[in-house]
Amino acid sequence: MRYLICYDIEDNKNRTKLFERLKDFGLLAVQKSVFYGELSKAEKLAIKELLSKYCAKSDKAIIASVNLDFNDTLGYTKEYFESKTYEII
């Protein structure tokens, strides 16, 4: 399933650590605190744990399942959100 993950974390150190960890899941950083991508149930649970680890009580986060309609976006193309494949040389 595809998800949009958004967060508002005040602490710079925790926000940076979470950003790097979410990239490790292969998620696309759509904006500085917004990620998009395909996640398994286990990966979603792991991300929920990460959010709990890096978010303080005053911070906020959302994990939302999405069916993205590119007609409802501005400045993004469908290709921007497609998974990229890489060849290991």
C-alpha atoms as a PDB file:
ATOM      1  CA  MET A   1       0.000   0.000   0.000  1.00  0.00           C
ATOM      2  CA  ARG A   2       1.158   3.556  -0.678  1.00  0.00           C
ATOM      3  CA  TYR A   3       1.521   6.026   2.156  1.00  0.00           C
ATOM      4  CA  LEU A   4       2.141   9.683   2.749  1.00  0.00           C
ATOM      5  CA  ILE A   5       4.119  10.347   5.928  1.00  0.00           C
ATOM      6  CA  CYS A   6       4.180  13.888   7.317  1.00  0.00           C
ATOM      7  CA  TYR A   7       5.747  15.163  10.499  1.00  0.00           C
ATOM      8  CA  ASP A   8       6.448  18.362  12.403  1.00  0.00           C
ATOM      9  CA  ILE A   9       9.394  17.842  14.750  1.00  0.00           C
ATOM     10  CA  GLU A  10      10.882  20.836  16.552  1.00  0.00           C
ATOM     11  CA  ASP A  11      14.232  19.277  17.510  1.00  0.00           C
ATOM     12  CA  ASN A  12      16.632  19.624  14.550  1.00  0.00           C
ATOM     13  CA  LYS A  13      18.703  16.591  15.524  1.00  0.00           C
ATOM     14  CA  ASN A  14      15.684  14.268  15.795  1.00  0.00           C
ATOM     15  CA  ARG A  15      14.135  15.676  12.604  1.00  0.00           C
ATOM     16  CA  THR A  16      17.357  15.034  10.657  1.00  0.00           C
ATOM     17  CA  LYS A  17      17.724  11.508  12.043  1.00  0.00           C
ATOM     18  CA  LEU A  18      14.128  10.656  11.124  1.00  0.00           C
ATOM     19  CA  PHE A  19      14.608  12.107   7.636  1.00  0.00           C
ATOM     20  CA  GLU A  20      17.617   9.854   7.024  1.00  0.00           C
ATOM     21  CA  ARG A  21      15.896   6.773   8.447  1.00  0.00           C
ATOM     22  CA  LEU A  22      12.818   7.264   6.242  1.00  0.00           C
ATOM     23  CA  LYS A  23      15.033   7.487   3.152  1.00  0.00           C
ATOM     24  CA  ASP A  24      16.445   4.080   4.163  1.00  0.00           C
ATOM     25  CA  PHE A  25      12.960   2.628   3.589  1.00  0.00           C
ATOM     26  CA  GLY A  26      13.155   3.734  -0.035  1.00  0.00           C
ATOM     27  CA  LEU A  27      10.583   6.472   0.504  1.00  0.00           C
ATOM     28  CA  LEU A  28      10.620   9.563  -1.677  1.00  0.00           C
ATOM     29  CA  ALA A  29      11.172  12.875   0.118  1.00  0.00           C
ATOM     30  CA  VAL A  30       8.438  14.959  -1.489  1.00  0.00           C
ATOM     31  CA  GLN A  31       9.222  17.895   0.799  1.00  0.00           C
ATOM     32  CA  LYS A  32      11.470  18.337   3.833  1.00  0.00           C
ATOM     33  CA  SER A  33       9.032  16.664   6.222  1.00  0.00           C
ATOM     34  CA  VAL A  34       6.816  14.756   3.788  1.00  0.00           C
ATOM     35  CA  PHE A  35       7.559  11.296   2.385  1.00  0.00           C
ATOM     36  CA  TYR A  36       5.682   9.108  -0.099  1.00  0.00           C
ATOM     37  CA  GLY A  37       6.051   5.486  -1.052  1.00  0.00           C
ATOM     38  CA  GLU A  38       5.088   1.847  -0.925  1.00  0.00           C
ATOM     39  CA  LEU A  39       5.271   0.146   2.477  1.00  0.00           C
ATOM     40  CA  SER A  40       4.536  -3.335   3.726  1.00  0.00           C
ATOM     41  CA  LYS A  41       2.628  -3.769   7.002  1.00  0.00           C
ATOM     42  CA  ALA A  42       5.902  -4.535   8.788  1.00  0.00           C
ATOM     43  CA  GLU A  43       7.575  -1.418   7.363  1.00  0.00           C
ATOM     44  CA  LYS A  44       4.609   0.724   8.412  1.00  0.00           C
ATOM     45  CA  LEU A  45       4.888  -0.622  11.960  1.00  0.00           C
ATOM     46  CA  ALA A  46       8.642   0.050  11.963  1.00  0.00           C
ATOM     47  CA  ILE A  47       8.010   3.637  10.866  1.00  0.00           C
ATOM     48  CA  LYS A  48       5.415   4.085  13.607  1.00  0.00           C
ATOM     49  CA  GLU A  49       8.104   3.015  16.087  1.00  0.00           C
ATOM     50  CA  LEU A  50      10.567   5.490  14.554  1.00  0.00           C
ATOM     51  CA  LEU A  51       8.021   8.282  14.864  1.00  0.00           C
ATOM     52  CA  SER A  52       7.496   7.377  18.518  1.00  0.00           C
ATOM     53  CA  LYS A  53      11.263   7.418  19.052  1.00  0.00           C
ATOM     54  CA  TYR A  54      11.978  10.768  17.394  1.00  0.00           C
ATOM     55  CA  CYS A  55       8.794  12.717  18.199  1.00  0.00           C
ATOM     56  CA  ALA A  56       8.440  14.548  21.499  1.00  0.00           C
ATOM     57  CA  LYS A  57       5.029  15.047  23.109  1.00  0.00           C
ATOM     58  CA  SER A  58       4.631  18.434  21.400  1.00  0.00           C
ATOM     59  CA  ASP A  59       5.549  17.073  17.932  1.00  0.00           C
ATOM     60  CA  LYS A  60       3.055  15.781  15.372  1.00  0.00           C
ATOM     61  CA  ALA A  61       3.089  13.077  12.691  1.00  0.00           C
ATOM     62  CA  ILE A  62       0.660  11.435  10.260  1.00  0.00           C
ATOM     63  CA  ILE A  63       0.850   8.202   8.287  1.00  0.00           C
ATOM     64  CA  ALA A  64      -1.936   8.193   5.700  1.00  0.00           C
ATOM     65  CA  SER A  65      -2.681   5.610   3.038  1.00  0.00           C
ATOM     66  CA  VAL A  66      -3.143   7.399  -0.265  1.00  0.00           C
ATOM     67  CA  ASN A  67      -4.317   6.807  -3.785  1.00  0.00           C
ATOM     68  CA  LEU A  68      -2.540   9.726  -5.401  1.00  0.00           C
ATOM     69  CA  ASP A  69      -4.322  11.397  -8.320  1.00  0.00           C
ATOM     70  CA  PHE A  70      -1.736  13.398 -10.258  1.00  0.00           C
ATOM     71  CA  ASN A  71      -4.475  15.746 -11.470  1.00  0.00           C
ATOM     72  CA  ASP A  72      -4.616  16.973  -7.867  1.00  0.00           C
ATOM     73  CA  THR A  73      -0.921  17.890  -7.699  1.00  0.00           C
ATOM     74  CA  LEU A  74       0.907  21.020  -8.709  1.00  0.00           C
ATOM     75  CA  GLY A  75       4.546  20.976  -9.756  1.00  0.00           C
ATOM     76  CA  TYR A  76       4.835  17.169  -9.685  1.00  0.00           C
ATOM     77  CA  THR A  77       4.603  14.687 -12.518  1.00  0.00           C
ATOM     78  CA  LYS A  78       3.740  11.019 -12.372  1.00  0.00           C
ATOM     79  CA  GLU A  79       7.366  10.196 -13.218  1.00  0.00           C
ATOM     80  CA  TYR A  80       8.533  12.017 -10.089  1.00  0.00           C
ATOM     81  CA  PHE A  81       6.729   9.447  -7.935  1.00  0.00           C
ATOM     82  CA  GLU A  82       7.686   6.323  -9.878  1.00  0.00           C
ATOM     83  CA  SER A  83      10.113   3.884  -8.309  1.00  0.00           C
ATOM     84  CA  LYS A  84      13.562   4.184  -9.718  1.00  0.00           C
ATOM     85  CA  THR A  85      15.645   1.174 -10.581  1.00  0.00           C
ATOM     86  CA  TYR A  86      19.391   1.173 -10.428  1.00  0.00           C
ATOM     87  CA  GLU A  87      21.953  -1.087 -12.025  1.00  0.00           C
ATOM     88  CA  ILE A  88      24.825  -2.185  -9.838  1.00  0.00           C
ATOM     89  CA  ILE A  89      28.072  -2.141 -11.791  1.00  0.00           C
END
